Amino acid sequence: MIAFGFGFDFEGCVEMRKFGLAAAILGLLSTAAQAADLPVLRGGYTEGVLPSRSTWQGSYVGVQGGYGAADARMGSANQALLADVLRNSAVEQALQVSTWTFPQSDGFARSAVYGVFGGYNSQWDDVVLGLEASYVHGRFNALSTASMGRSSTAPDTSTPPLYYGAGVKSMAGISLTDMATFRGRAGYAYGAFLPYLFGGFALGNADIDRSVSVAVSASTSTLGPFVPQGTVTGDGSLHSHLVYGYALGVGVDMQLSGNLFLRAEYEYVRFLNQVDTAVNTARLGLGYRF
């Protein structure tokens, strides 16, 4: 199931820890590159002299891989499905089941990712602006279930008057396998390094599983006994469904020899569909500039 978010929403401290980890990865990469005595860096720094400007102008392509985590908010995923299943029913009128807030825990999933990227840069002195497309494949599977039961305190208008009870089981899950982001980049060239920020929109391919089961019962008294009246079920599953959202992130490109460059990047993607899902990934990549 699954790694496919402008209001930048880091979901609490869990999100901040992931962002901090990604920032640490970028810092370690930069430190390692300076210590490695790469040809592009050799002799590039002298005391009191700024490093020479790198050229980032032009188109580029590359490959990338990394690791990510997805948080899927399941709590209200099935309210619309319940409303459809119980439309105009006596138990819905008595208990308003479709408005219940389920104590449904959020789903969480981790996955390795790999893919490609490509784009075009325009450079003015040290300022670099560009457009880029990025694609990664992974398998983020998140699933959550919940149940709840209630009975009515007021009778309906039938003769004899009836009190209704309902026991609801709810399941929601998402499997995200493919994510593509289309973003604008803004960076500042410093020596062999190009740190940058980016933002744009995201598309993903996902299987969304949603199902509900409502066991209906009735009684002539609020104290019971409640006699089973039957079970109503509903399914709102979607397969190979297009999901959409937004993407934000930071990264750094580092020139190697020739037109090769190394990349480290953190990306946050938020999909705003039937199951609200946030995906955080940290990735390394190798690119070639034409």
C-alpha atoms as a PDB file:
ATOM      1  CA  MET A   1       0.000   0.000   0.000  1.00  0.00           C
ATOM      2  CA  ILE A   2       1.246   3.685   0.234  1.00  0.00           C
ATOM      3  CA  ALA A   3       5.399   7.898  -0.541  1.00  0.00           C
ATOM      4  CA  PHE A   4       2.765   9.919  -2.205  1.00  0.00           C
ATOM      5  CA  GLY A   5       3.080  18.091   0.578  1.00  0.00           C
ATOM      6  CA  PHE A   6       1.832  26.089  -0.076  1.00  0.00           C
ATOM      7  CA  GLY A   7       1.360  25.746   3.821  1.00  0.00           C
ATOM      8  CA  PHE A   8       4.267  23.732   5.094  1.00  0.00           C
ATOM      9  CA  ASP A   9       2.810  21.275   7.634  1.00  0.00           C
ATOM     10  CA  PHE A  10       5.374  19.189   9.599  1.00  0.00           C
ATOM     11  CA  GLU A  11       3.022  16.882  11.505  1.00  0.00           C
ATOM     12  CA  GLY A  12       4.139  17.476  15.076  1.00  0.00           C
ATOM     13  CA  CYS A  13       7.412  16.435  16.592  1.00  0.00           C
ATOM     14  CA  VAL A  14       7.628  13.235  14.556  1.00  0.00           C
ATOM     15  CA  GLU A  15       7.805  15.345  11.395  1.00  0.00           C
ATOM     16  CA  MET A  16      10.402  17.687  12.984  1.00  0.00           C
ATOM     17  CA  ARG A  17      12.612  14.752  13.914  1.00  0.00           C
ATOM     18  CA  LYS A  18      12.513  13.528  10.316  1.00  0.00           C
ATOM     19  CA  PHE A  19      13.383  17.012   9.076  1.00  0.00           C
ATOM     20  CA  GLY A  20      16.272  17.226  11.525  1.00  0.00           C
ATOM     21  CA  LEU A  21      17.572  13.846  10.362  1.00  0.00           C
ATOM     22  CA  ALA A  22      17.430  14.968   6.744  1.00  0.00           C
ATOM     23  CA  ALA A  23      19.283  18.202   7.602  1.00  0.00           C
ATOM     24  CA  ALA A  24      21.961  16.198   9.387  1.00  0.00           C
ATOM     25  CA  ILE A  25      22.398  13.994   6.302  1.00  0.00           C
ATOM     26  CA  LEU A  26      22.907  17.071   4.129  1.00  0.00           C
ATOM     27  CA  GLY A  27      25.439  18.512   6.584  1.00  0.00           C
ATOM     28  CA  LEU A  28      27.425  15.280   6.769  1.00  0.00           C
ATOM     29  CA  LEU A  29      27.498  15.028   2.983  1.00  0.00           C
ATOM     30  CA  SER A  30      28.890  18.541   2.625  1.00  0.00           C
ATOM     31  CA  THR A  31      31.526  17.907   5.292  1.00  0.00           C
ATOM     32  CA  ALA A  32      32.587  14.625   3.684  1.00  0.00           C
ATOM     33  CA  ALA A  33      32.912  16.247   0.269  1.00  0.00           C
ATOM     34  CA  GLN A  34      35.226  18.969   1.563  1.00  0.00           C
ATOM     35  CA  ALA A  35      37.419  16.373   3.260  1.00  0.00           C
ATOM     36  CA  ALA A  36      37.631  14.113   0.226  1.00  0.00           C
ATOM     37  CA  ASP A  37      39.971  16.382  -1.795  1.00  0.00           C
ATOM     38  CA  LEU A  38      37.839  16.021  -4.921  1.00  0.00           C
ATOM     39  CA  PRO A  39      39.356  17.449  -8.121  1.00  0.00           C
ATOM     40  CA  VAL A  40      36.710  20.137  -8.367  1.00  0.00           C
ATOM     41  CA  LEU A  41      37.546  21.362  -4.855  1.00  0.00           C
ATOM     42  CA  ARG A  42      41.338  21.026  -4.993  1.00  0.00           C
ATOM     43  CA  GLY A  43      42.883  24.466  -4.917  1.00  0.00           C
ATOM     44  CA  GLY A  44      39.448  26.105  -4.892  1.00  0.00           C
ATOM     45  CA  TYR A  45      39.971  27.798  -1.532  1.00  0.00           C
ATOM     46  CA  THR A  46      42.729  30.109  -0.468  1.00  0.00           C
ATOM     47  CA  GLU A  47      42.828  32.208   2.667  1.00  0.00           C
ATOM     48  CA  GLY A  48      40.844  35.411   2.264  1.00  0.00           C
ATOM     49  CA  VAL A  49      39.589  34.463  -1.223  1.00  0.00           C
ATOM     50  CA  LEU A  50      36.060  33.269  -1.975  1.00  0.00           C
ATOM     51  CA  PRO A  51      35.687  30.081  -4.029  1.00  0.00           C
ATOM     52  CA  SER A  52      35.183  30.488  -7.762  1.00  0.00           C
ATOM     53  CA  ARG A  53      31.625  30.434  -9.102  1.00  0.00           C
ATOM     54  CA  SER A  54      30.276  27.161 -10.497  1.00  0.00           C
ATOM     55  CA  THR A  55      28.182  26.936 -13.630  1.00  0.00           C
ATOM     56  CA  TRP A  56      24.767  25.315 -13.227  1.00  0.00           C
ATOM     57  CA  GLN A  57      23.104  26.685 -16.362  1.00  0.00           C
ATOM     58  CA  GLY A  58      21.380  24.144 -18.618  1.00  0.00           C
ATOM     59  CA  SER A  59      19.419  20.903 -18.521  1.00  0.00           C
ATOM     60  CA  TYR A  60      20.250  17.842 -16.435  1.00  0.00           C
ATOM     61  CA  VAL A  61      19.052  14.322 -15.594  1.00  0.00           C
ATOM     62  CA  GLY A  62      19.861  11.904 -12.799  1.00  0.00           C
ATOM     63  CA  VAL A  63      19.013   8.852 -10.702  1.00  0.00           C
ATOM     64  CA  GLN A  64      18.117   8.820  -7.010  1.00  0.00           C
ATOM     65  CA  GLY A  65      17.373   6.535  -4.102  1.00  0.00           C
ATOM     66  CA  GLY A  66      16.621   6.807  -0.413  1.00  0.00           C
ATOM     67  CA  TYR A  67      14.219   6.012   2.388  1.00  0.00           C
ATOM     68  CA  GLY A  68      10.880   7.438   3.493  1.00  0.00           C
ATOM     69  CA  ALA A  69       8.025   7.313   5.977  1.00  0.00           C
ATOM     70  CA  ALA A  70       4.303   7.902   5.417  1.00  0.00           C
ATOM     71  CA  ASP A  71       1.657   9.001   7.932  1.00  0.00           C
ATOM     72  CA  ALA A  72      -1.971   8.366   6.887  1.00  0.00           C
ATOM     73  CA  ARG A  73      -4.793  10.086   8.796  1.00  0.00           C
ATOM     74  CA  MET A  74      -7.648   7.621   8.995  1.00  0.00           C
ATOM     75  CA  GLY A  75     -10.034   9.138  11.554  1.00  0.00           C
ATOM     76  CA  SER A  76     -12.656  10.678   9.217  1.00  0.00           C
ATOM     77  CA  ALA A  77     -11.944   8.637   6.096  1.00  0.00           C
ATOM     78  CA  ASN A  78     -15.224   6.682   6.256  1.00  0.00           C
ATOM     79  CA  GLN A  79     -17.760   9.283   7.358  1.00  0.00           C
ATOM     80  CA  ALA A  80     -18.937   9.958   3.795  1.00  0.00           C
ATOM     81  CA  LEU A  81     -19.136   6.203   3.146  1.00  0.00           C
ATOM     82  CA  LEU A  82     -21.286   5.708   6.263  1.00  0.00           C
ATOM     83  CA  ALA A  83     -23.588   8.520   5.142  1.00  0.00           C
ATOM     84  CA  ASP A  84     -24.110   6.793   1.783  1.00  0.00           C
ATOM     85  CA  VAL A  85     -24.702   3.357   3.313  1.00  0.00           C
ATOM     86  CA  LEU A  86     -27.203   4.575   5.927  1.00  0.00           C
ATOM     87  CA  ARG A  87     -28.937   7.279   3.875  1.00  0.00           C
ATOM     88  CA  ASN A  88     -32.603   7.755   4.983  1.00  0.00           C
ATOM     89  CA  SER A  89     -32.402   4.794   7.383  1.00  0.00           C
ATOM     90  CA  ALA A  90     -34.085   4.777  10.792  1.00  0.00           C
ATOM     91  CA  VAL A  91     -30.806   4.075  12.616  1.00  0.00           C
ATOM     92  CA  GLU A  92     -29.131   7.055  10.916  1.00  0.00           C
ATOM     93  CA  GLN A  93     -32.006   9.355  11.860  1.00  0.00           C
ATOM     94  CA  ALA A  94     -31.912   8.107  15.458  1.00  0.00           C
ATOM     95  CA  LEU A  95     -28.137   8.042  16.002  1.00  0.00           C
ATOM     96  CA  GLN A  96     -26.563  10.104  13.178  1.00  0.00           C
ATOM     97  CA  VAL A  97     -23.938   7.406  12.777  1.00  0.00           C
ATOM     98  CA  SER A  98     -22.223   9.183   9.880  1.00  0.00           C
ATOM     99  CA  THR A  99     -21.178  12.035  12.205  1.00  0.00           C
ATOM    100  CA  TRP A 100     -19.392   9.783  14.711  1.00  0.00           C
ATOM    101  CA  THR A 101     -15.721  10.473  15.268  1.00  0.00           C
ATOM    102  CA  PHE A 102     -13.931   7.144  15.439  1.00  0.00           C
ATOM    103  CA  PRO A 103     -10.911   6.586  17.724  1.00  0.00           C
ATOM    104  CA  GLN A 104      -9.079   5.294  14.671  1.00  0.00           C
ATOM    105  CA  SER A 105      -5.302   5.407  14.965  1.00  0.00           C
ATOM    106  CA  ASP A 106      -3.336   6.869  12.085  1.00  0.00           C
ATOM    107  CA  GLY A 107      -1.519   4.442   9.804  1.00  0.00           C
ATOM    108  CA  PHE A 108       2.273   4.572   9.550  1.00  0.00           C
ATOM    109  CA  ALA A 109       4.537   2.968   6.955  1.00  0.00           C
ATOM    110  CA  ARG A 110       8.200   3.012   5.884  1.00  0.00           C
ATOM    111  CA  SER A 111       9.757   2.103   2.545  1.00  0.00           C
ATOM    112  CA  ALA A 112      12.892   2.406   0.461  1.00  0.00           C
ATOM    113  CA  VAL A 113      12.428   4.515  -2.689  1.00  0.00           C
ATOM    114  CA  TYR A 114      14.257   4.850  -5.996  1.00  0.00           C
ATOM    115  CA  GLY A 115      13.698   6.792  -9.196  1.00  0.00           C
ATOM    116  CA  VAL A 116      14.872   9.517 -11.562  1.00  0.00           C
ATOM    117  CA  PHE A 117      14.850  13.309 -11.840  1.00  0.00           C
ATOM    118  CA  GLY A 118      15.465  15.926 -14.521  1.00  0.00           C
ATOM    119  CA  GLY A 119      15.146  19.652 -15.073  1.00  0.00           C
ATOM    120  CA  TYR A 120      16.557  22.915 -16.367  1.00  0.00           C
ATOM    121  CA  ASN A 121      18.482  25.677 -14.570  1.00  0.00           C
ATOM    122  CA  SER A 122      18.877  29.347 -15.404  1.00  0.00           C
ATOM    123  CA  GLN A 123      21.713  31.191 -13.645  1.00  0.00           C
ATOM    124  CA  TRP A 124      22.268  34.880 -12.910  1.00  0.00           C
ATOM    125  CA  ASP A 125      25.620  35.381 -11.144  1.00  0.00           C
ATOM    126  CA  ASP A 126      25.249  33.186  -8.035  1.00  0.00           C
ATOM    127  CA  VAL A 127      21.443  32.903  -8.160  1.00  0.00           C
ATOM    128  CA  VAL A 128      20.067  29.758  -9.798  1.00  0.00           C
ATOM    129  CA  LEU A 129      16.375  29.274 -10.649  1.00  0.00           C
ATOM    130  CA  GLY A 130      14.967  26.180 -12.286  1.00  0.00           C
ATOM    131  CA  LEU A 131      12.115  23.815 -13.027  1.00  0.00           C
ATOM    132  CA  GLU A 132      12.349  20.118 -12.206  1.00  0.00           C
ATOM    133  CA  ALA A 133      10.392  16.862 -12.311  1.00  0.00           C
ATOM    134  CA  SER A 134      11.131  14.039  -9.868  1.00  0.00           C
ATOM    135  CA  TYR A 135       9.786  10.479  -9.740  1.00  0.00           C
ATOM    136  CA  VAL A 136      10.228   7.781  -7.095  1.00  0.00           C
ATOM    137  CA  HIS A 137       8.814   4.288  -6.659  1.00  0.00           C
ATOM    138  CA  GLY A 138       8.268   2.681  -3.264  1.00  0.00           C
ATOM    139  CA  ARG A 139       5.657   0.750  -1.295  1.00  0.00           C
ATOM    140  CA  PHE A 140       4.045   2.601   1.591  1.00  0.00           C
ATOM    141  CA  ASN A 141       1.276   0.454   3.108  1.00  0.00           C
ATOM    142  CA  ALA A 142      -0.757   1.984   5.966  1.00  0.00           C
ATOM    143  CA  LEU A 143      -3.847   0.373   7.506  1.00  0.00           C
ATOM    144  CA  SER A 144      -6.057   1.221  10.472  1.00  0.00           C
ATOM    145  CA  THR A 145      -9.280  -0.205  11.967  1.00  0.00           C
ATOM    146  CA  ALA A 146     -11.753   1.047  14.569  1.00  0.00           C
ATOM    147  CA  SER A 147     -15.078   0.058  16.136  1.00  0.00           C
ATOM    148  CA  MET A 148     -17.755   1.857  18.128  1.00  0.00           C
ATOM    149  CA  GLY A 149     -21.273   1.155  19.455  1.00  0.00           C
ATOM    150  CA  ARG A 150     -24.125   3.343  20.715  1.00  0.00           C
ATOM    151  CA  SER A 151     -27.863   3.213  21.342  1.00  0.00           C
ATOM    152  CA  SER A 152     -30.492   5.940  21.050  1.00  0.00           C
ATOM    153  CA  THR A 153     -32.101   7.651  24.046  1.00  0.00           C
ATOM    154  CA  ALA A 154     -35.206   8.839  22.170  1.00  0.00           C
ATOM    155  CA  PRO A 155     -37.741   6.607  20.360  1.00  0.00           C
ATOM    156  CA  ASP A 156     -38.813   6.905  16.736  1.00  0.00           C
ATOM    157  CA  THR A 157     -42.410   7.620  15.626  1.00  0.00           C
ATOM    158  CA  SER A 158     -43.409   4.002  14.974  1.00  0.00           C
ATOM    159  CA  THR A 159     -46.014   2.061  16.937  1.00  0.00           C
ATOM    160  CA  PRO A 160     -44.815   0.685  19.266  1.00  0.00           C
ATOM    161  CA  PRO A 161     -41.952   3.217  19.470  1.00  0.00           C
ATOM    162  CA  LEU A 162     -38.481   1.738  18.939  1.00  0.00           C
ATOM    163  CA  TYR A 163     -35.060   2.595  20.260  1.00  0.00           C
ATOM    164  CA  TYR A 164     -32.120   1.811  17.965  1.00  0.00           C
ATOM    165  CA  GLY A 165     -28.602   0.596  18.519  1.00  0.00           C
ATOM    166  CA  ALA A 166     -25.656   0.418  16.139  1.00  0.00           C
ATOM    167  CA  GLY A 167     -22.282  -1.290  16.282  1.00  0.00           C
ATOM    168  CA  VAL A 168     -19.892   0.011  13.633  1.00  0.00           C
ATOM    169  CA  LYS A 169     -16.631  -1.472  12.387  1.00  0.00           C
ATOM    170  CA  SER A 170     -14.529   0.773  10.163  1.00  0.00           C
ATOM    171  CA  MET A 171     -11.396   0.038   8.140  1.00  0.00           C
ATOM    172  CA  ALA A 172      -9.279   2.450   6.098  1.00  0.00           C
ATOM    173  CA  GLY A 173      -5.939   1.956   4.398  1.00  0.00           C
ATOM    174  CA  ILE A 174      -3.750   3.240   1.604  1.00  0.00           C
ATOM    175  CA  SER A 175      -0.982   1.705  -0.481  1.00  0.00           C
ATOM    176  CA  LEU A 176       1.110   4.329  -2.239  1.00  0.00           C
ATOM    177  CA  THR A 177       3.537   3.017  -4.844  1.00  0.00           C
ATOM    178  CA  ASP A 178       4.481   5.891  -7.175  1.00  0.00           C
ATOM    179  CA  MET A 179       5.054   9.607  -6.599  1.00  0.00           C
ATOM    180  CA  ALA A 180       5.908  12.355  -9.081  1.00  0.00           C
ATOM    181  CA  THR A 181       6.550  15.958  -8.087  1.00  0.00           C
ATOM    182  CA  PHE A 182       6.812  18.986 -10.353  1.00  0.00           C
ATOM    183  CA  ARG A 183       8.516  21.875  -8.638  1.00  0.00           C
ATOM    184  CA  GLY A 184      10.284  25.170  -8.976  1.00  0.00           C
ATOM    185  CA  ARG A 185      13.757  25.508  -7.465  1.00  0.00           C
ATOM    186  CA  ALA A 186      15.659  28.489  -6.103  1.00  0.00           C
ATOM    187  CA  GLY A 187      19.330  28.085  -5.176  1.00  0.00           C
ATOM    188  CA  TYR A 188      22.527  30.020  -4.487  1.00  0.00           C
ATOM    189  CA  ALA A 189      25.821  28.804  -5.969  1.00  0.00           C
ATOM    190  CA  TYR A 190      28.779  28.782  -3.594  1.00  0.00           C
ATOM    191  CA  GLY A 191      31.943  27.165  -4.877  1.00  0.00           C
ATOM    192  CA  ALA A 192      31.108  23.632  -5.940  1.00  0.00           C
ATOM    193  CA  PHE A 193      27.861  23.630  -3.956  1.00  0.00           C
ATOM    194  CA  LEU A 194      24.311  24.623  -4.858  1.00  0.00           C
ATOM    195  CA  PRO A 195      21.998  24.615  -1.802  1.00  0.00           C
ATOM    196  CA  TYR A 196      18.365  25.096  -2.825  1.00  0.00           C
ATOM    197  CA  LEU A 197      14.726  25.211  -1.755  1.00  0.00           C
ATOM    198  CA  PHE A 198      11.848  23.904  -3.832  1.00  0.00           C
ATOM    199  CA  GLY A 199       8.070  23.709  -3.912  1.00  0.00           C
ATOM    200  CA  GLY A 200       5.393  22.503  -6.296  1.00  0.00           C
ATOM    201  CA  PHE A 201       2.594  20.007  -6.800  1.00  0.00           C
ATOM    202  CA  ALA A 202       2.580  16.218  -6.468  1.00  0.00           C
ATOM    203  CA  LEU A 203       0.789  13.310  -8.114  1.00  0.00           C
ATOM    204  CA  GLY A 204       0.689   9.720  -6.906  1.00  0.00           C
ATOM    205  CA  ASN A 205      -0.686   6.287  -7.702  1.00  0.00           C
ATOM    206  CA  ALA A 206      -2.432   4.568  -4.804  1.00  0.00           C
ATOM    207  CA  ASP A 207      -4.806   1.786  -3.829  1.00  0.00           C
ATOM    208  CA  ILE A 208      -7.281   3.104  -1.242  1.00  0.00           C
ATOM    209  CA  ASP A 209      -9.196   0.584   0.859  1.00  0.00           C
ATOM    210  CA  ARG A 210     -12.266   1.734   2.816  1.00  0.00           C
ATOM    211  CA  SER A 211     -15.030  -0.428   4.259  1.00  0.00           C
ATOM    212  CA  VAL A 212     -17.700  -0.166   6.947  1.00  0.00           C
ATOM    213  CA  SER A 213     -20.009  -2.652   8.653  1.00  0.00           C
ATOM    214  CA  VAL A 214     -23.012  -1.504  10.733  1.00  0.00           C
ATOM    215  CA  ALA A 215     -24.857  -4.035  12.920  1.00  0.00           C
ATOM    216  CA  VAL A 216     -28.344  -2.594  13.569  1.00  0.00           C
ATOM    217  CA  SER A 217     -30.509  -3.554  16.550  1.00  0.00           C
ATOM    218  CA  ALA A 218     -33.773  -2.279  18.029  1.00  0.00           C
ATOM    219  CA  SER A 219     -35.684  -2.384  21.322  1.00  0.00           C
ATOM    220  CA  THR A 220     -38.942  -1.107  22.783  1.00  0.00           C
ATOM    221  CA  SER A 221     -37.022   0.126  25.819  1.00  0.00           C
ATOM    222  CA  THR A 222     -33.829   2.079  26.371  1.00  0.00           C
ATOM    223  CA  LEU A 223     -32.726  -0.746  28.694  1.00  0.00           C
ATOM    224  CA  GLY A 224     -33.205  -3.470  26.064  1.00  0.00           C
ATOM    225  CA  PRO A 225     -33.027  -6.167  25.209  1.00  0.00           C
ATOM    226  CA  PHE A 226     -31.907  -4.990  21.731  1.00  0.00           C
ATOM    227  CA  VAL A 227     -32.883  -7.425  18.989  1.00  0.00           C
ATOM    228  CA  PRO A 228     -30.601  -7.677  15.922  1.00  0.00           C
ATOM    229  CA  GLN A 229     -32.224  -6.223  12.785  1.00  0.00           C
ATOM    230  CA  GLY A 230     -29.452  -6.998  10.317  1.00  0.00           C
ATOM    231  CA  THR A 231     -26.055  -5.768   9.140  1.00  0.00           C
ATOM    232  CA  VAL A 232     -25.404  -3.087   6.545  1.00  0.00           C
ATOM    233  CA  THR A 233     -22.027  -3.012   4.765  1.00  0.00           C
ATOM    234  CA  GLY A 234     -20.324  -0.642   2.384  1.00  0.00           C
ATOM    235  CA  ASP A 235     -17.100  -0.600   0.393  1.00  0.00           C
ATOM    236  CA  GLY A 236     -15.359   2.485  -0.989  1.00  0.00           C
ATOM    237  CA  SER A 237     -12.151   0.937  -2.278  1.00  0.00           C
ATOM    238  CA  LEU A 238     -10.316   2.534  -5.205  1.00  0.00           C
ATOM    239  CA  HIS A 239      -7.551   0.824  -7.184  1.00  0.00           C
ATOM    240  CA  SER A 240      -4.779   2.550  -9.152  1.00  0.00           C
ATOM    241  CA  HIS A 241      -6.302   5.834  -8.032  1.00  0.00           C
ATOM    242  CA  LEU A 242      -4.694   9.180  -8.896  1.00  0.00           C
ATOM    243  CA  VAL A 243      -3.994  11.200  -5.756  1.00  0.00           C
ATOM    244  CA  TYR A 244      -2.718  14.762  -5.696  1.00  0.00           C
ATOM    245  CA  GLY A 245      -1.199  17.267  -3.306  1.00  0.00           C
ATOM    246  CA  TYR A 246       1.817  19.507  -2.832  1.00  0.00           C
ATOM    247  CA  ALA A 247       5.568  19.132  -2.258  1.00  0.00           C
ATOM    248  CA  LEU A 248       8.150  21.183  -0.339  1.00  0.00           C
ATOM    249  CA  GLY A 249      11.778  20.522   0.484  1.00  0.00           C
ATOM    250  CA  VAL A 250      15.448  21.423   0.638  1.00  0.00           C
ATOM    251  CA  GLY A 251      18.566  19.984  -0.938  1.00  0.00           C
ATOM    252  CA  VAL A 252      22.125  20.556  -2.071  1.00  0.00           C
ATOM    253  CA  ASP A 253      23.866  19.695  -5.347  1.00  0.00           C
ATOM    254  CA  MET A 254      27.646  19.319  -5.396  1.00  0.00           C
ATOM    255  CA  GLN A 255      29.753  19.352  -8.541  1.00  0.00           C
ATOM    256  CA  LEU A 256      32.100  16.437  -9.049  1.00  0.00           C
ATOM    257  CA  SER A 257      34.421  16.087 -12.045  1.00  0.00           C
ATOM    258  CA  GLY A 258      33.204  17.203 -15.463  1.00  0.00           C
ATOM    259  CA  ASN A 259      29.434  17.623 -15.633  1.00  0.00           C
ATOM    260  CA  LEU A 260      28.642  15.088 -12.917  1.00  0.00           C
ATOM    261  CA  PHE A 261      27.075  16.246  -9.666  1.00  0.00           C
ATOM    262  CA  LEU A 262      26.012  14.605  -6.413  1.00  0.00           C
ATOM    263  CA  ARG A 263      22.706  15.424  -4.728  1.00  0.00           C
ATOM    264  CA  ALA A 264      21.270  15.111  -1.213  1.00  0.00           C
ATOM    265  CA  GLU A 265      17.628  16.065  -0.696  1.00  0.00           C
ATOM    266  CA  TYR A 266      14.761  16.040   1.771  1.00  0.00           C
ATOM    267  CA  GLU A 267      11.185  16.158   0.419  1.00  0.00           C
ATOM    268  CA  TYR A 268       7.823  16.522   2.172  1.00  0.00           C
ATOM    269  CA  VAL A 269       4.716  15.546   0.178  1.00  0.00           C
ATOM    270  CA  ARG A 270       1.108  15.902   1.353  1.00  0.00           C
ATOM    271  CA  PHE A 271      -1.708  14.096  -0.491  1.00  0.00           C
ATOM    272  CA  LEU A 272      -5.168  15.515   0.229  1.00  0.00           C
ATOM    273  CA  ASN A 273      -7.537  12.788  -0.879  1.00  0.00           C
ATOM    274  CA  GLN A 274      -9.886  10.242   0.738  1.00  0.00           C
ATOM    275  CA  VAL A 275      -7.061   9.296   3.105  1.00  0.00           C
ATOM    276  CA  ASP A 276      -4.983  12.353   4.086  1.00  0.00           C
ATOM    277  CA  THR A 277      -1.358  11.166   3.741  1.00  0.00           C
ATOM    278  CA  ALA A 278       1.998  12.859   4.384  1.00  0.00           C
ATOM    279  CA  VAL A 279       5.204  11.324   2.985  1.00  0.00           C
ATOM    280  CA  ASN A 280       8.714  12.319   4.094  1.00  0.00           C
ATOM    281  CA  THR A 281      11.747  11.078   2.142  1.00  0.00           C
ATOM    282  CA  ALA A 282      15.508  11.628   2.374  1.00  0.00           C
ATOM    283  CA  ARG A 283      17.362  10.815  -0.848  1.00  0.00           C
ATOM    284  CA  LEU A 284      20.783  10.776  -2.489  1.00  0.00           C
ATOM    285  CA  GLY A 285      21.206  11.151  -6.231  1.00  0.00           C
ATOM    286  CA  LEU A 286      23.763  11.298  -9.036  1.00  0.00           C
ATOM    287  CA  GLY A 287      23.137  13.656 -11.947  1.00  0.00           C
ATOM    288  CA  TYR A 288      24.643  14.770 -15.245  1.00  0.00           C
ATOM    289  CA  ARG A 289      24.398  18.318 -16.625  1.00  0.00           C
ATOM    290  CA  PHE A 290      24.332  18.816 -20.404  1.00  0.00           C
END
